[in-house]
Amino acid sequence: MARFSALLGTVALAAAFTFDGCGGGTVLDATKTEEQLKASLSNSLEEKVSTVDCPSGEKVEAGRTFSCSVKLADGKTGKATLEIRNKDADISVIDFTETSQQGQ
């Protein structure tokens, strides 16, 4: 994963957001975040990402971090930590950790 660490600073997402009708403020669109993260990680890791699962209802607050589960096509899994950079919901991947090897 050293290859990915060098590319971390270049992975930025422009996530969509919605207004929570329950008075909770602005939240990220988890589906769009997952789609963009999947494409960005596939490119950065030079490996096909099969699925990404991000939590729903993440409030758009600058500096807030959250994690998404990632599954690679070869069966490996990982965790991507993302940071919301600003009120426009621009997001950066600040860490990626492989959590299991294929077949484990």
C-alpha atoms as a PDB file:
ATOM      1  CA  MET A   1       0.000   0.000   0.000  1.00  0.00           C
ATOM      2  CA  ALA A   2       3.015   2.328  -0.058  1.00  0.00           C
ATOM      3  CA  ARG A   3       2.089   3.182  -3.639  1.00  0.00           C
ATOM      4  CA  PHE A   4      -1.269   4.510  -2.422  1.00  0.00           C
ATOM      5  CA  SER A   5       0.218   6.577   0.387  1.00  0.00           C
ATOM      6  CA  ALA A   6       2.166   8.627  -2.130  1.00  0.00           C
ATOM      7  CA  LEU A   7      -1.024   9.374  -4.070  1.00  0.00           C
ATOM      8  CA  LEU A   8      -3.179  10.211  -1.064  1.00  0.00           C
ATOM      9  CA  GLY A   9      -2.895  13.951  -1.413  1.00  0.00           C
ATOM     10  CA  THR A  10      -4.161  13.847  -4.986  1.00  0.00           C
ATOM     11  CA  VAL A  11      -7.398  11.970  -4.256  1.00  0.00           C
ATOM     12  CA  ALA A  12     -10.114  14.557  -3.778  1.00  0.00           C
ATOM     13  CA  LEU A  13     -13.822  14.139  -4.252  1.00  0.00           C
ATOM     14  CA  ALA A  14     -16.516  16.695  -4.904  1.00  0.00           C
ATOM     15  CA  ALA A  15     -19.354  14.961  -3.113  1.00  0.00           C
ATOM     16  CA  ALA A  16     -22.960  15.917  -3.548  1.00  0.00           C
ATOM     17  CA  PHE A  17     -24.964  16.872  -0.530  1.00  0.00           C
ATOM     18  CA  THR A  18     -28.588  17.240   0.436  1.00  0.00           C
ATOM     19  CA  PHE A  19     -30.507  19.084   3.084  1.00  0.00           C
ATOM     20  CA  ASP A  20     -31.881  16.865   5.828  1.00  0.00           C
ATOM     21  CA  GLY A  21     -35.614  17.513   6.022  1.00  0.00           C
ATOM     22  CA  CYS A  22     -35.623  16.663   9.722  1.00  0.00           C
ATOM     23  CA  GLY A  23     -33.702  19.801  10.660  1.00  0.00           C
ATOM     24  CA  GLY A  24     -30.369  17.988  10.807  1.00  0.00           C
ATOM     25  CA  GLY A  25     -28.653  20.400   8.413  1.00  0.00           C
ATOM     26  CA  THR A  26     -26.728  19.440   5.320  1.00  0.00           C
ATOM     27  CA  VAL A  27     -25.645  15.816   4.866  1.00  0.00           C
ATOM     28  CA  LEU A  28     -23.500  14.024   2.292  1.00  0.00           C
ATOM     29  CA  ASP A  29     -25.115  11.979  -0.435  1.00  0.00           C
ATOM     30  CA  ALA A  30     -23.667   8.579   0.525  1.00  0.00           C
ATOM     31  CA  THR A  31     -24.393   6.983  -2.862  1.00  0.00           C
ATOM     32  CA  LYS A  32     -22.564   9.683  -4.815  1.00  0.00           C
ATOM     33  CA  THR A  33     -19.687   9.652  -2.321  1.00  0.00           C
ATOM     34  CA  GLU A  34     -19.371   5.875  -2.742  1.00  0.00           C
ATOM     35  CA  GLU A  35     -19.409   6.135  -6.554  1.00  0.00           C
ATOM     36  CA  GLN A  36     -16.730   8.831  -6.615  1.00  0.00           C
ATOM     37  CA  LEU A  37     -14.572   7.078  -4.019  1.00  0.00           C
ATOM     38  CA  LYS A  38     -14.797   3.804  -5.963  1.00  0.00           C
ATOM     39  CA  ALA A  39     -13.613   5.496  -9.169  1.00  0.00           C
ATOM     40  CA  SER A  40     -10.867   7.463  -7.427  1.00  0.00           C
ATOM     41  CA  LEU A  41      -9.494   4.484  -5.509  1.00  0.00           C
ATOM     42  CA  SER A  42      -9.580   2.236  -8.582  1.00  0.00           C
ATOM     43  CA  ASN A  43      -7.449   4.819 -10.367  1.00  0.00           C
ATOM     44  CA  SER A  44      -5.087   5.540  -7.447  1.00  0.00           C
ATOM     45  CA  LEU A  45      -4.597   1.939  -6.359  1.00  0.00           C
ATOM     46  CA  GLU A  46      -4.398   0.689  -9.933  1.00  0.00           C
ATOM     47  CA  GLU A  47      -6.674  -2.144  -8.794  1.00  0.00           C
ATOM     48  CA  LYS A  48     -10.359  -2.629  -9.451  1.00  0.00           C
ATOM     49  CA  VAL A  49     -12.557  -1.683  -6.505  1.00  0.00           C
ATOM     50  CA  SER A  50     -15.691  -3.830  -6.469  1.00  0.00           C
ATOM     51  CA  THR A  51     -17.661  -2.137  -3.681  1.00  0.00           C
ATOM     52  CA  VAL A  52     -17.540   0.857  -1.369  1.00  0.00           C
ATOM     53  CA  ASP A  53     -19.838   1.296   1.622  1.00  0.00           C
ATOM     54  CA  CYS A  54     -19.992   4.719   3.290  1.00  0.00           C
ATOM     55  CA  PRO A  55     -22.240   5.681   6.187  1.00  0.00           C
ATOM     56  CA  SER A  56     -25.355   7.680   5.402  1.00  0.00           C
ATOM     57  CA  GLY A  57     -26.305  10.910   7.120  1.00  0.00           C
ATOM     58  CA  GLU A  58     -22.777  12.309   7.487  1.00  0.00           C
ATOM     59  CA  LYS A  59     -23.133  15.997   8.319  1.00  0.00           C
ATOM     60  CA  VAL A  60     -21.240  18.461   6.136  1.00  0.00           C
ATOM     61  CA  GLU A  61     -18.874  20.099   8.628  1.00  0.00           C
ATOM     62  CA  ALA A  62     -15.359  21.224   7.690  1.00  0.00           C
ATOM     63  CA  GLY A  63     -12.750  19.014   9.353  1.00  0.00           C
ATOM     64  CA  ARG A  64     -15.162  16.152  10.066  1.00  0.00           C
ATOM     65  CA  THR A  65     -13.797  12.680   9.232  1.00  0.00           C
ATOM     66  CA  PHE A  66     -15.543   9.385   8.554  1.00  0.00           C
ATOM     67  CA  SER A  67     -14.625   5.959   7.208  1.00  0.00           C
ATOM     68  CA  CYS A  68     -15.871   3.848   4.321  1.00  0.00           C
ATOM     69  CA  SER A  69     -15.419   0.101   3.839  1.00  0.00           C
ATOM     70  CA  VAL A  70     -13.765  -0.906   0.574  1.00  0.00           C
ATOM     71  CA  LYS A  71     -13.673  -4.280  -1.163  1.00  0.00           C
ATOM     72  CA  LEU A  72     -11.211  -4.885  -3.993  1.00  0.00           C
ATOM     73  CA  ALA A  73     -11.957  -7.211  -6.885  1.00  0.00           C
ATOM     74  CA  ASP A  74      -9.248  -9.644  -5.726  1.00  0.00           C
ATOM     75  CA  GLY A  75     -11.069 -10.147  -2.392  1.00  0.00           C
ATOM     76  CA  LYS A  76      -8.942  -7.859  -0.241  1.00  0.00           C
ATOM     77  CA  THR A  77     -10.761  -5.376   1.972  1.00  0.00           C
ATOM     78  CA  GLY A  78      -9.799  -2.009   3.321  1.00  0.00           C
ATOM     79  CA  LYS A  79     -10.920   1.120   5.090  1.00  0.00           C
ATOM     80  CA  ALA A  80     -10.733   4.589   3.566  1.00  0.00           C
ATOM     81  CA  THR A  81     -10.791   7.559   5.923  1.00  0.00           C
ATOM     82  CA  LEU A  82     -12.203  10.714   4.377  1.00  0.00           C
ATOM     83  CA  GLU A  83     -12.200  14.315   5.565  1.00  0.00           C
ATOM     84  CA  ILE A  84     -14.790  16.938   4.680  1.00  0.00           C
ATOM     85  CA  ARG A  85     -12.704  19.969   3.708  1.00  0.00           C
ATOM     86  CA  ASN A  86     -15.345  22.706   3.573  1.00  0.00           C
ATOM     87  CA  LYS A  87     -19.036  23.629   3.604  1.00  0.00           C
ATOM     88  CA  ASP A  88     -19.243  22.802  -0.114  1.00  0.00           C
ATOM     89  CA  ALA A  89     -18.707  19.124   0.815  1.00  0.00           C
ATOM     90  CA  ASP A  90     -15.325  18.797  -0.909  1.00  0.00           C
ATOM     91  CA  ILE A  91     -13.767  15.611   0.455  1.00  0.00           C
ATOM     92  CA  SER A  92     -10.217  14.254   0.601  1.00  0.00           C
ATOM     93  CA  VAL A  93      -9.084  10.698   1.242  1.00  0.00           C
ATOM     94  CA  ILE A  94      -6.650  11.069   4.120  1.00  0.00           C
ATOM     95  CA  ASP A  95      -5.879   7.399   4.785  1.00  0.00           C
ATOM     96  CA  PHE A  96      -6.377   3.961   3.278  1.00  0.00           C
ATOM     97  CA  THR A  97      -5.653   0.845   5.299  1.00  0.00           C
ATOM     98  CA  GLU A  98      -5.891  -2.676   3.985  1.00  0.00           C
ATOM     99  CA  THR A  99      -7.817  -4.691   6.580  1.00  0.00           C
ATOM    100  CA  SER A 100      -7.571  -8.203   5.145  1.00  0.00           C
ATOM    101  CA  GLN A 101      -5.676 -10.156   2.569  1.00  0.00           C
ATOM    102  CA  GLN A 102      -7.336 -12.299  -0.081  1.00  0.00           C
ATOM    103  CA  GLY A 103      -8.542 -15.573   1.389  1.00  0.00           C
ATOM    104  CA  GLN A 104      -8.255 -14.501   5.037  1.00  0.00           C
END
